[in-house]
Amino acid sequence: MSKPTLALVGATGAVGTVMREIVSSRADIYGEIRLVASARSAGKVLPVRGEDVVVRALTPEVFDGVDVAIFDVPDEVSAEWVPIAAARGAIVIDKSGTFRMNPQVPLVVPEVNPGDAANRPLGIVSTPNCTTLSMMAAIGALHAEYGLRELVVASYQAVSGAGVAGSARLYDEIEALAGDRTIGQTAGDVRKALQNKLPEESPFPAPVAFNVVPWAGSLKEDGWASEELKLRNESRKILGIPDLKVSATCVRVPVITTHSLAVHATFAGEITVADAHRILNAAPTVVVMDDPANHVYPTPADVVGTDPTYVGRVRQAIDFPNTLDLFVCGDNLRKGAALNAAEIAELIVTTEF
């Protein structure tokens, strides 16, 4: 039997670039790999699996003969083109937020709910937001044995979560402020200094350099940010707990890549730190870094560019029964985006083709 054909849609973007690297470095399970992007990127030549491949324009015909298509494009592009790809016979794995909460579309993290990928009446599988993904392998493993009941999460989100423009803005801000040791000591001085040196347009509502911004996403009802509601709703769906109590505060921090989360998790019964270490050490895509006496705990600078979910600072909450506090890091461009989609595709190909 011939190997299935894969299409990577959005192949020229930040996550698309990582996707090409991941597909090139993992098991060679595909025949043809088609790189697809907007008309303005068509004709570019990009490497994948050691070959130079010409990027094709996004058209209905590009999906003819495609078995699996991975989409990394804006929501509005997914809304238009994912159904077209599915109608042409491709199994679509979509990274956007367009279909995540559609009851006919499974939301899949292979370490947590792999069986859901087979139940796709629309021919679509969705992959979660990068913030949710940064913690889900660890939380899913703990839930499987101890039964999660409540989550309170504070995220510390890297600027690359806002795309290439987010990373570029932080680099520009750092460069504009570098060397001035008076900055950050007077209210508004960072903002004023940047106004004099950089364009006003920014992916962020406030300076990120020398700062943290308690906002990620768009404004929703009652003052919630879209990123916070995604974390709540997606956790419920992935874990299969529709009434899971979740509260999140999402914060943008001056880190290029890798999201971090401080997680306060309550379970159905007593769980100890030793229990958590045992479970997390057994989870194949989780790495435990938890020796605070020797300053061992995960930080974005130490784990960026790698695939696992890293967990440290595991503690029993002093005033809350059956509750653990822990700190989690995950590269938001790899496991938080490209890798999870690639793993879903591998799951489908190895079980169905």
Protein backbone atom coordinates (compact mmCIF):
# COMPACT_ATOMS: atom_id res chain seq x y z
CA MET A 1 0.00 0.00 0.00
CA SER A 2 1.29 3.47 -0.84
CA LYS A 3 2.00 5.92 1.93
CA PRO A 4 -0.61 8.66 2.55
CA THR A 5 -0.24 12.17 1.18
CA LEU A 6 0.08 15.00 3.71
CA ALA A 7 -0.68 18.68 3.11
CA LEU A 8 0.72 21.35 5.44
CA VAL A 9 -1.44 24.46 5.10
CA GLY A 10 0.20 27.62 6.40
CA ALA A 11 3.62 26.11 5.77
CA THR A 12 5.44 29.46 5.62
CA GLY A 13 4.35 30.81 9.04
CA ALA A 14 6.08 30.52 12.42
CA VAL A 15 4.29 27.32 13.41
CA GLY A 16 4.41 26.05 9.83
CA THR A 17 8.19 26.33 9.93
CA VAL A 18 8.30 24.27 13.13
CA MET A 19 5.85 21.80 11.59
CA ARG A 20 8.17 21.22 8.64
CA GLU A 21 11.04 20.58 11.05
CA ILE A 22 8.97 18.16 13.13
CA VAL A 23 7.67 16.21 10.13
CA SER A 24 11.24 15.99 8.83
CA SER A 25 12.62 14.62 12.09
CA ARG A 26 9.97 12.05 13.01
CA ALA A 27 9.00 8.70 11.51
CA ASP A 28 8.78 8.77 7.71
CA ILE A 29 5.16 7.69 7.36
CA TYR A 30 4.10 9.92 4.45
CA GLY A 31 4.45 9.67 0.72
CA GLU A 32 4.08 13.11 -0.84
CA ILE A 33 4.14 16.18 1.40
CA ARG A 34 2.50 19.25 -0.10
CA LEU A 35 3.30 22.69 1.26
CA VAL A 36 0.39 25.10 0.94
CA ALA A 37 0.10 28.80 1.71
CA SER A 38 -1.51 32.01 0.48
CA ALA A 39 -1.14 33.10 -3.12
CA ARG A 40 1.57 35.60 -2.19
CA SER A 41 3.75 32.77 -0.83
CA ALA A 42 3.11 30.39 -3.71
CA GLY A 43 6.25 29.57 -5.64
CA LYS A 44 8.59 29.75 -2.67
CA VAL A 45 10.87 26.76 -2.26
CA LEU A 46 11.12 25.37 1.27
CA PRO A 47 12.83 22.29 2.71
CA VAL A 48 10.96 19.34 4.18
CA ARG A 49 12.35 15.83 4.76
CA GLY A 50 15.60 16.87 3.10
CA GLU A 51 13.87 17.85 -0.15
CA ASP A 52 13.14 21.26 -1.63
CA VAL A 53 9.41 21.60 -2.19
CA VAL A 54 7.60 24.35 -4.08
CA VAL A 55 4.83 25.99 -2.06
CA ARG A 56 1.41 25.74 -3.68
CA ALA A 57 -1.37 28.31 -3.50
CA LEU A 58 -4.41 27.53 -1.37
CA THR A 59 -7.05 26.36 -3.84
CA PRO A 60 -9.71 23.60 -3.71
CA GLU A 61 -7.72 21.51 -6.19
CA VAL A 62 -4.63 21.42 -3.99
CA PHE A 63 -6.45 18.94 -1.72
CA ASP A 64 -7.21 16.42 -4.47
CA GLY A 65 -5.49 13.19 -3.51
CA VAL A 66 -4.57 14.46 -0.03
CA ASP A 67 -5.22 11.99 2.81
CA VAL A 68 -4.36 14.22 5.79
CA ALA A 69 -4.20 18.02 5.91
CA ILE A 70 -2.80 19.99 8.85
CA PHE A 71 -4.00 23.60 8.97
CA ASP A 72 -2.16 26.39 10.75
CA VAL A 73 -3.96 29.51 9.53
CA PRO A 74 -6.12 32.26 11.08
CA ASP A 75 -9.63 31.39 12.23
CA GLU A 76 -11.35 33.04 9.30
CA VAL A 77 -9.19 31.12 6.81
CA SER A 78 -9.91 27.83 8.57
CA ALA A 79 -13.62 28.57 8.60
CA GLU A 80 -13.59 28.86 4.81
CA TRP A 81 -11.03 26.28 3.76
CA VAL A 82 -11.18 23.42 6.28
CA PRO A 83 -14.64 22.29 5.08
CA ILE A 84 -13.39 22.47 1.49
CA ALA A 85 -10.43 20.22 2.29
CA ALA A 86 -12.68 17.78 4.16
CA ALA A 87 -15.15 17.73 1.26
CA ARG A 88 -12.27 16.81 -1.07
CA GLY A 89 -11.60 13.74 1.08
CA ALA A 90 -8.84 14.90 3.40
CA ILE A 91 -8.88 14.21 7.13
CA VAL A 92 -8.26 17.70 8.49
CA ILE A 93 -6.36 18.54 11.66
CA ASP A 94 -7.04 22.18 12.43
CA LYS A 95 -5.00 24.34 14.77
CA SER A 96 -7.29 27.35 14.79
CA GLY A 97 -10.01 28.07 17.31
CA THR A 98 -12.76 27.77 14.71
CA PHE A 99 -13.92 24.22 15.40
CA ARG A 100 -12.60 23.48 18.91
CA MET A 101 -15.93 23.73 20.69
CA ASN A 102 -18.02 22.24 17.87
CA PRO A 103 -19.64 19.12 19.40
CA GLN A 104 -19.08 17.26 16.12
CA VAL A 105 -15.33 17.95 16.13
CA PRO A 106 -13.07 16.11 18.61
CA LEU A 107 -10.51 18.20 20.50
CA VAL A 108 -7.54 15.89 20.90
CA VAL A 109 -4.35 15.61 22.91
CA PRO A 110 -2.95 12.15 22.03
CA GLU A 111 -1.57 11.53 25.54
CA VAL A 112 -4.98 12.23 27.08
CA ASN A 113 -7.87 11.32 24.75
CA PRO A 114 -6.48 9.54 21.65
CA GLY A 115 -9.67 7.57 21.06
CA ASP A 116 -11.62 10.75 20.35
CA ALA A 117 -9.68 11.27 17.10
CA ALA A 118 -11.58 8.44 15.42
CA ASN A 119 -14.97 10.06 16.07
CA ARG A 120 -15.00 12.83 13.47
CA PRO A 121 -18.33 13.04 11.60
CA LEU A 122 -17.22 16.20 9.80
CA GLY A 123 -13.81 14.80 8.89
CA ILE A 124 -12.15 17.34 11.18
CA VAL A 125 -10.03 16.99 14.32
CA SER A 126 -9.17 20.10 16.30
CA THR A 127 -6.07 20.75 18.39
CA PRO A 128 -6.20 22.95 21.52
CA ASN A 129 -4.84 26.39 22.20
CA CYS A 130 -1.13 26.52 23.03
CA THR A 131 -1.78 27.56 26.64
CA THR A 132 -4.04 24.58 27.30
CA LEU A 133 -1.56 22.26 25.61
CA SER A 134 1.32 23.47 27.73
CA MET A 135 -0.18 21.78 30.79
CA MET A 136 -2.50 19.10 29.43
CA ALA A 137 -0.14 16.11 29.28
CA ALA A 138 0.67 16.55 32.97
CA ILE A 139 -2.85 17.38 34.13
CA GLY A 140 -4.32 14.58 32.04
CA ALA A 141 -1.99 12.02 33.62
CA LEU A 142 -2.89 13.15 37.14
CA HIS A 143 -6.61 13.23 36.33
CA ALA A 144 -6.57 9.69 34.95
CA GLU A 145 -5.60 8.30 38.36
CA TYR A 146 -6.96 10.80 40.89
CA GLY A 147 -9.95 12.50 39.24
CA LEU A 148 -9.58 16.25 38.70
CA ARG A 149 -12.29 18.45 40.23
CA GLU A 150 -11.02 22.05 40.09
CA LEU A 151 -8.32 24.06 38.33
CA VAL A 152 -7.03 27.54 39.08
CA VAL A 153 -4.35 28.61 36.62
CA ALA A 154 -2.15 31.65 36.11
CA SER A 155 -0.36 31.59 32.77
CA TYR A 156 2.87 33.37 31.86
CA GLN A 157 2.66 33.45 28.08
CA ALA A 158 5.52 34.00 25.66
CA VAL A 159 5.24 36.68 23.00
CA SER A 160 5.55 34.16 20.16
CA GLY A 161 2.00 33.14 21.06
CA ALA A 162 1.04 36.30 19.16
CA GLY A 163 2.94 35.09 16.09
CA VAL A 164 6.05 36.40 14.37
CA ALA A 165 4.93 39.96 15.06
CA GLY A 166 4.90 39.27 18.80
CA SER A 167 8.49 38.04 18.86
CA ALA A 168 9.64 40.88 16.62
CA ARG A 169 8.01 43.46 18.88
CA LEU A 170 9.77 42.20 22.01
CA TYR A 171 13.14 42.14 20.25
CA ASP A 172 12.53 45.69 19.01
CA GLU A 173 11.55 46.89 22.48
CA ILE A 174 14.61 45.33 24.10
CA GLU A 175 16.86 46.89 21.48
CA ALA A 176 15.20 50.29 21.90
CA LEU A 177 15.62 50.26 25.68
CA ALA A 178 18.97 48.51 25.99
CA GLY A 179 21.67 50.36 27.87
CA ASP A 180 19.40 52.87 29.59
CA ARG A 181 19.60 52.00 33.30
CA THR A 182 17.12 54.73 34.23
CA ILE A 183 14.27 52.87 32.54
CA GLY A 184 11.68 51.15 34.70
CA GLN A 185 11.95 53.43 37.70
CA THR A 186 9.26 55.99 36.93
CA ALA A 187 5.61 55.40 36.08
CA GLY A 188 5.12 55.44 32.34
CA ASP A 189 8.80 55.83 31.43
CA VAL A 190 8.97 52.56 29.48
CA ARG A 191 5.95 53.46 27.39
CA LYS A 192 7.26 56.99 26.79
CA ALA A 193 10.71 55.76 25.75
CA LEU A 194 9.21 53.31 23.27
CA GLN A 195 6.90 55.95 21.79
CA ASN A 196 9.96 57.97 20.86
CA LYS A 197 11.74 55.05 19.20
CA LEU A 198 9.22 52.54 17.80
CA PRO A 199 6.01 52.62 15.74
CA GLU A 200 2.92 52.78 17.91
CA GLU A 201 1.42 49.65 16.33
CA SER A 202 2.03 46.60 18.52
CA PRO A 203 0.46 43.16 18.97
CA PHE A 204 0.22 43.97 22.68
CA PRO A 205 -1.81 46.60 24.58
CA ALA A 206 1.19 47.66 26.69
CA PRO A 207 4.98 47.36 26.58
CA VAL A 208 6.25 43.84 27.18
CA ALA A 209 9.92 44.65 27.81
CA PHE A 210 10.55 45.51 31.47
CA ASN A 211 6.90 44.62 32.08
CA VAL A 212 4.20 41.97 32.31
CA VAL A 213 0.80 42.47 30.70
CA PRO A 214 -2.26 40.88 32.37
CA TRP A 215 -3.97 40.32 29.06
CA ALA A 216 -3.84 37.76 26.26
CA GLY A 217 -6.46 37.51 23.56
CA SER A 218 -9.60 39.49 22.93
CA LEU A 219 -12.20 40.92 25.31
CA LYS A 220 -15.13 38.69 26.14
CA GLU A 221 -18.16 39.02 28.42
CA ASP A 222 -17.70 40.17 32.03
CA GLY A 223 -14.09 41.21 31.51
CA TRP A 224 -12.69 37.78 30.63
CA ALA A 225 -9.98 37.44 28.00
CA SER A 226 -10.48 34.92 25.22
CA GLU A 227 -7.32 33.02 26.24
CA GLU A 228 -8.75 32.51 29.74
CA LEU A 229 -12.03 31.13 28.45
CA LYS A 230 -10.24 28.88 25.97
CA LEU A 231 -8.27 27.33 28.82
CA ARG A 232 -11.47 26.68 30.76
CA ASN A 233 -13.60 25.35 27.91
CA GLU A 234 -10.90 23.29 26.23
CA SER A 235 -9.81 21.62 29.48
CA ARG A 236 -13.39 20.53 30.10
CA LYS A 237 -13.76 19.04 26.63
CA ILE A 238 -10.39 17.27 26.44
CA LEU A 239 -10.67 15.73 29.90
CA GLY A 240 -14.34 14.86 29.44
CA ILE A 241 -15.42 16.81 32.54
CA PRO A 242 -18.15 19.20 31.34
CA ASP A 243 -18.68 20.68 34.82
CA LEU A 244 -14.99 21.05 35.74
CA LYS A 245 -14.47 24.20 37.80
CA VAL A 246 -11.78 26.31 36.12
CA SER A 247 -10.56 29.86 36.64
CA ALA A 248 -7.64 31.35 34.74
CA THR A 249 -5.68 34.57 34.52
CA CYS A 250 -3.50 34.88 31.42
CA VAL A 251 -0.45 37.15 31.48
CA ARG A 252 1.96 38.07 28.69
CA VAL A 253 5.61 38.09 29.81
CA PRO A 254 8.90 39.13 28.15
CA VAL A 255 9.81 35.62 26.99
CA ILE A 256 10.19 34.80 23.30
CA THR A 257 9.01 31.17 23.29
CA THR A 258 7.66 28.74 25.94
CA HIS A 259 4.56 29.26 28.02
CA SER A 260 4.60 28.68 31.78
CA LEU A 261 1.65 28.01 34.06
CA ALA A 262 1.19 28.04 37.82
CA VAL A 263 -1.45 25.36 38.40
CA HIS A 264 -3.61 24.84 41.51
CA ALA A 265 -5.35 21.48 40.98
CA THR A 266 -7.91 19.87 43.28
CA PHE A 267 -8.70 16.16 43.01
CA ALA A 268 -11.46 13.83 44.13
CA GLY A 269 -9.34 12.30 46.88
CA GLU A 270 -6.06 12.64 48.72
CA ILE A 271 -3.00 12.96 46.51
CA THR A 272 0.57 13.40 47.71
CA VAL A 273 3.63 14.90 46.10
CA ALA A 274 5.08 11.40 45.91
CA ASP A 275 1.96 10.24 44.08
CA ALA A 276 2.31 13.09 41.60
CA HIS A 277 5.99 12.37 41.01
CA ARG A 278 5.22 8.70 40.39
CA ILE A 279 2.51 9.48 37.85
CA LEU A 280 4.37 12.24 36.08
CA ASN A 281 7.61 10.29 35.88
CA ALA A 282 5.68 7.49 34.18
CA ALA A 283 4.06 9.82 31.64
CA PRO A 284 6.09 9.41 28.42
CA THR A 285 6.03 13.08 27.33
CA VAL A 286 6.44 14.67 30.78
CA VAL A 287 9.76 15.54 32.42
CA VAL A 288 9.85 16.19 36.16
CA MET A 289 12.34 18.87 37.29
CA ASP A 290 11.55 19.18 40.96
CA ASP A 291 14.43 19.66 43.37
CA PRO A 292 14.05 23.22 44.67
CA ALA A 293 16.76 22.77 47.31
CA ASN A 294 19.20 22.57 44.41
CA HIS A 295 17.39 25.15 42.28
CA VAL A 296 16.01 22.53 39.93
CA TYR A 297 12.69 23.56 38.37
CA PRO A 298 11.64 24.30 34.81
CA THR A 299 12.08 27.72 33.24
CA PRO A 300 11.39 28.79 29.65
CA ALA A 301 15.07 29.55 29.02
CA ASP A 302 16.00 25.96 29.91
CA VAL A 303 13.33 24.06 27.96
CA VAL A 304 12.63 26.16 24.84
CA GLY A 305 13.01 24.21 21.61
CA THR A 306 12.20 20.85 23.20
CA ASP A 307 9.09 18.71 23.02
CA PRO A 308 8.13 17.49 26.53
CA THR A 309 5.94 19.09 29.15
CA TYR A 310 8.16 20.04 32.11
CA VAL A 311 6.83 20.05 35.69
CA GLY A 312 8.36 21.30 38.92
CA ARG A 313 7.57 23.04 42.22
CA VAL A 314 5.09 20.28 43.09
CA ARG A 315 3.63 21.00 46.52
CA GLN A 316 0.65 19.97 48.60
CA ALA A 317 -1.48 23.05 49.12
CA ILE A 318 -1.35 23.93 52.82
CA ASP A 319 -4.88 25.24 53.23
CA PHE A 320 -6.71 23.27 50.50
CA PRO A 321 -7.40 19.51 50.89
CA ASN A 322 -6.69 17.12 48.01
CA THR A 323 -4.90 19.88 46.16
CA LEU A 324 -1.51 20.24 44.51
CA ASP A 325 0.30 23.34 43.33
CA LEU A 326 2.76 22.91 40.48
CA PHE A 327 4.64 24.86 37.82
CA VAL A 328 4.54 23.74 34.19
CA CYS A 329 6.52 24.81 31.11
CA GLY A 330 5.98 23.84 27.49
CA ASP A 331 7.29 25.21 24.21
CA ASN A 332 4.23 26.90 22.71
CA LEU A 333 5.44 26.50 19.11
CA ARG A 334 6.24 22.80 19.46
CA LYS A 335 3.97 20.83 21.83
CA GLY A 336 1.75 23.89 22.13
CA ALA A 337 1.15 23.99 18.40
CA ALA A 338 2.95 22.02 15.70
CA LEU A 339 3.86 18.87 17.61
CA ASN A 340 0.37 18.09 18.90
CA ALA A 341 -1.04 18.38 15.38
CA ALA A 342 1.75 16.17 14.03
CA GLU A 343 1.07 13.58 16.74
CA ILE A 344 -2.65 13.53 15.89
CA ALA A 345 -1.78 12.98 12.24
CA GLU A 346 0.59 10.15 13.17
CA LEU A 347 -2.12 8.59 15.35
CA ILE A 348 -4.60 8.63 12.47
CA VAL A 349 -2.14 7.41 9.85
CA THR A 350 -0.77 4.53 11.94
CA THR A 351 -4.22 3.28 12.98
CA GLU A 352 -6.25 3.89 9.81
CA PHE A 353 -3.97 3.66 6.78
